Amino acid sequence: MDTFSQAHNHPVREKRKQDYLDDDCSLRAAAAIRAHPNTCFTNILDLFLTPFSRVFSLYGKLIEGWYVIELDDEIVLNEHGWIEMSDGKIIDPTVVLLLPLEQPVYYFSGVERSWNEVKSIMRKEDAWLPYVRFSGTYGSDGMGHQMYKAAHDAAVQKVFSLATMTQPPKKMTFLTAQDPLDVQREMGVSMQVFLLSPDHEEEQHEKA
């Protein structure tokens, strides 16, 4: 049975990277786990469970959601995974490798998962992250989950808002984990979904 660690009854909160990202901790975390800029869910799972599992089991949540990247001539939306601490700070070992620290990025949290919940998911066979899309409950795109859809819709609104601040409007690009990886790499904002096996060995998977 797919359970979620929170009952979201509040509006989606937009978090600006420059206000919430712990740059130093994210960079150190990326180095510690040898993070790759194109595998955000692999990175956060590596970080969430080892080698800092005790810290995150007490103070952290694994987030499945969306982020919006503001580029010079384009606004990009993509599914993304990161960690949020109890003080609201974001640890994201992927974004610090993928983009310059000064690049504007906006986070929209859809599903929060506790350390115990993530451990439980890892014991399931054929479990994938973002798990909201592979639990079999909320549809293949996860849009049947109220808060995941709300986060997506808020992120889409942000894309339109940023794109139309200039004339002519900036190009708008909407990506998901289902998009071919080569398309995402062209945008410089790649991510992958991956398989969680019961013995904790991760098998990356490209969703065509």
Protein backbone atom coordinates (compact mmCIF):
# COMPACT_ATOMS: atom_id res chain seq x y z
CA MET A 1 0.00 0.00 0.00
CA ASP A 2 1.41 3.39 -1.00
CA THR A 3 1.38 5.82 1.89
CA PHE A 4 2.58 9.39 2.09
CA SER A 5 4.21 11.02 5.05
CA GLN A 6 2.04 14.11 4.93
CA ALA A 7 -1.53 15.17 4.27
CA HIS A 8 -1.05 18.34 2.28
CA ASN A 9 -3.95 20.67 2.88
CA HIS A 10 -2.01 23.89 2.38
CA PRO A 11 -1.14 25.81 -0.79
CA VAL A 12 2.04 24.90 -2.65
CA ARG A 13 4.93 27.01 -1.45
CA GLU A 14 7.41 28.34 -3.97
CA LYS A 15 11.00 28.29 -2.75
CA ARG A 16 13.64 30.36 -4.50
CA LYS A 17 17.04 28.68 -4.64
CA GLN A 18 18.89 31.80 -3.55
CA ASP A 19 16.76 31.97 -0.38
CA TYR A 20 16.62 28.31 0.65
CA LEU A 21 19.46 26.30 -0.90
CA ASP A 22 22.33 25.48 1.43
CA ASP A 23 25.05 25.88 -1.19
CA ASP A 24 27.95 24.77 0.96
CA CYS A 25 26.21 21.68 2.34
CA SER A 26 24.94 20.74 -1.14
CA LEU A 27 28.42 21.02 -2.65
CA ARG A 28 29.95 18.97 0.16
CA ALA A 29 27.21 16.38 -0.19
CA ALA A 30 27.73 16.17 -3.95
CA ALA A 31 31.43 15.52 -3.40
CA ALA A 32 30.79 12.95 -0.66
CA ILE A 33 28.47 10.80 -2.79
CA ARG A 34 30.17 11.57 -6.12
CA ALA A 35 26.92 12.97 -7.44
CA HIS A 36 26.16 13.12 -11.15
CA PRO A 37 24.37 16.20 -12.57
CA ASN A 38 21.90 14.09 -14.59
CA THR A 39 20.58 11.71 -11.91
CA CYS A 40 18.83 13.77 -9.24
CA PHE A 41 16.86 10.92 -7.66
CA THR A 42 19.90 8.66 -7.53
CA ASN A 43 21.82 11.47 -5.86
CA ILE A 44 19.28 12.23 -3.18
CA LEU A 45 18.70 8.57 -2.39
CA ASP A 46 22.46 8.03 -2.02
CA LEU A 47 22.61 11.06 0.24
CA PHE A 48 19.41 10.36 2.16
CA LEU A 49 20.31 6.81 3.12
CA THR A 50 24.12 6.88 3.25
CA PRO A 51 26.42 8.17 4.61
CA PHE A 52 24.27 10.72 6.46
CA SER A 53 21.21 8.61 7.17
CA ARG A 54 21.14 9.39 10.90
CA VAL A 55 20.91 13.13 10.26
CA PHE A 56 18.19 12.80 7.65
CA SER A 57 16.22 10.22 9.62
CA LEU A 58 15.80 12.88 12.31
CA TYR A 59 15.67 16.15 10.39
CA GLY A 60 15.18 15.58 6.67
CA LYS A 61 12.50 14.79 4.10
CA LEU A 62 13.03 13.41 0.61
CA ILE A 63 11.05 15.53 -1.85
CA GLU A 64 9.48 14.52 -5.14
CA GLY A 65 8.45 17.64 -6.99
CA TRP A 66 9.24 20.13 -9.73
CA TYR A 67 11.66 22.95 -10.31
CA VAL A 68 11.69 25.86 -12.72
CA ILE A 69 14.98 27.13 -14.15
CA GLU A 70 15.24 30.66 -15.48
CA LEU A 71 17.76 30.86 -18.32
CA ASP A 72 18.69 33.92 -20.38
CA ASP A 73 16.41 33.02 -23.29
CA GLU A 74 14.32 30.13 -21.95
CA ILE A 75 12.30 28.98 -18.93
CA VAL A 76 12.49 25.25 -18.21
CA LEU A 77 10.25 23.11 -15.99
CA ASN A 78 11.29 19.60 -14.98
CA GLU A 79 10.56 16.94 -12.41
CA HIS A 80 13.16 16.99 -9.68
CA GLY A 81 14.16 15.46 -6.37
CA TRP A 82 15.87 17.10 -3.39
CA ILE A 83 16.05 17.03 0.41
CA GLU A 84 14.45 19.52 2.75
CA MET A 85 15.53 19.91 6.36
CA SER A 86 13.30 20.73 9.32
CA ASP A 87 14.39 24.39 9.18
CA GLY A 88 13.18 24.64 5.58
CA LYS A 89 16.64 24.65 4.01
CA ILE A 90 17.14 22.70 0.78
CA ILE A 91 20.01 20.32 0.15
CA ASP A 92 20.33 19.58 -3.55
CA PRO A 93 23.55 17.85 -4.66
CA THR A 94 22.32 17.88 -8.27
CA VAL A 95 21.54 21.52 -8.95
CA VAL A 96 24.92 22.71 -7.66
CA LEU A 97 26.59 20.56 -10.31
CA LEU A 98 24.09 21.29 -13.06
CA LEU A 99 23.84 25.08 -12.85
CA PRO A 100 25.87 28.09 -11.64
CA LEU A 101 25.07 29.08 -8.07
CA GLU A 102 23.65 32.41 -9.23
CA GLN A 103 21.23 30.80 -11.73
CA PRO A 104 17.61 31.50 -10.69
CA VAL A 105 15.78 28.27 -9.75
CA TYR A 106 12.38 27.84 -8.09
CA TYR A 107 11.32 24.68 -6.19
CA PHE A 108 7.77 23.31 -5.87
CA SER A 109 7.37 20.42 -3.44
CA GLY A 110 4.82 17.76 -4.36
CA VAL A 111 5.41 14.77 -2.07
CA GLU A 112 7.45 14.67 1.13
CA ARG A 113 8.78 11.32 2.29
CA SER A 114 10.28 10.50 5.66
CA TRP A 115 13.42 8.43 6.07
CA ASN A 116 11.35 5.46 7.31
CA GLU A 117 9.01 5.71 4.33
CA VAL A 118 11.91 5.74 1.87
CA LYS A 119 13.40 2.70 3.58
CA SER A 120 10.06 0.93 3.25
CA ILE A 121 9.83 1.80 -0.45
CA MET A 122 13.30 0.42 -1.04
CA ARG A 123 12.17 -2.97 0.21
CA LYS A 124 9.57 -3.19 -2.57
CA GLU A 125 10.41 -4.88 -5.83
CA ASP A 126 10.27 -2.80 -9.00
CA ALA A 127 9.88 0.48 -7.13
CA TRP A 128 10.82 3.66 -8.97
CA LEU A 129 11.49 7.26 -8.09
CA PRO A 130 9.65 9.54 -8.33
CA TYR A 131 7.55 6.90 -6.59
CA VAL A 132 4.36 8.92 -6.91
CA ARG A 133 4.42 8.03 -10.60
CA PHE A 134 5.11 4.32 -10.12
CA SER A 135 3.06 3.37 -7.08
CA GLY A 136 0.12 2.33 -9.27
CA THR A 137 -2.24 4.61 -7.38
CA TYR A 138 -1.91 8.04 -8.97
CA GLY A 139 -1.40 7.32 -12.66
CA SER A 140 1.76 7.03 -14.68
CA ASP A 141 2.32 10.79 -14.50
CA GLY A 142 1.48 11.12 -10.79
CA MET A 143 -1.19 13.72 -11.52
CA GLY A 144 -3.78 11.75 -9.57
CA HIS A 145 -1.96 12.83 -6.40
CA GLN A 146 -3.51 16.11 -5.30
CA MET A 147 -0.38 17.83 -4.08
CA TYR A 148 1.89 16.52 -6.83
CA LYS A 149 -0.52 17.97 -9.39
CA ALA A 150 -0.82 21.19 -7.41
CA ALA A 151 2.96 21.53 -7.36
CA HIS A 152 3.09 20.89 -11.11
CA ASP A 153 0.36 23.43 -11.80
CA ALA A 154 2.08 26.06 -9.65
CA ALA A 155 5.35 25.40 -11.47
CA VAL A 156 3.63 25.77 -14.85
CA GLN A 157 2.17 29.10 -13.72
CA LYS A 158 5.67 30.21 -12.70
CA VAL A 159 6.99 29.31 -16.15
CA PHE A 160 4.36 31.45 -17.85
CA SER A 161 4.94 34.30 -15.40
CA LEU A 162 8.69 34.38 -15.97
CA ALA A 163 8.46 33.85 -19.72
CA THR A 164 6.08 36.73 -20.25
CA MET A 165 8.07 39.25 -18.25
CA THR A 166 9.99 40.09 -21.44
CA GLN A 167 8.93 40.95 -24.96
CA PRO A 168 9.04 38.86 -26.94
CA PRO A 169 8.34 36.18 -24.34
CA LYS A 170 11.07 33.68 -23.56
CA LYS A 171 10.83 30.14 -24.88
CA MET A 172 9.00 27.77 -22.52
CA THR A 173 10.11 24.13 -22.15
CA PHE A 174 8.20 21.51 -20.15
CA LEU A 175 10.02 18.28 -19.30
CA THR A 176 9.23 15.19 -17.24
CA ALA A 177 11.11 12.07 -16.28
CA GLN A 178 9.41 10.37 -19.24
CA ASP A 179 11.15 12.54 -21.81
CA PRO A 180 14.07 10.99 -23.72
CA LEU A 181 17.35 11.74 -21.96
CA ASP A 182 18.98 13.20 -25.07
CA VAL A 183 16.22 15.82 -25.28
CA GLN A 184 16.79 16.78 -21.66
CA ARG A 185 20.56 16.94 -22.11
CA GLU A 186 20.09 19.44 -24.91
CA MET A 187 18.43 21.69 -22.34
CA GLY A 188 21.21 21.12 -19.82
CA VAL A 189 18.71 20.01 -17.17
CA SER A 190 18.67 16.23 -17.45
CA MET A 191 17.24 13.84 -14.90
CA GLN A 192 16.50 10.12 -14.84
CA VAL A 193 14.16 7.78 -13.05
CA PHE A 194 15.72 4.64 -11.64
CA LEU A 195 14.87 1.28 -10.14
CA LEU A 196 15.13 0.61 -6.41
CA SER A 197 16.00 -3.01 -5.75
CA PRO A 198 15.46 -4.69 -2.38
CA ASP A 199 19.21 -5.24 -1.93
CA HIS A 200 19.76 -1.46 -2.27
CA GLU A 201 21.57 -1.71 -5.58
CA GLU A 202 20.35 0.98 -7.96
CA GLU A 203 19.74 0.31 -11.59
CA GLN A 204 19.33 3.45 -13.67
CA HIS A 205 16.56 3.36 -16.22
CA GLU A 206 15.81 5.69 -19.10
CA LYS A 207 12.12 6.03 -19.76
CA ALA A 208 11.50 6.32 -23.47
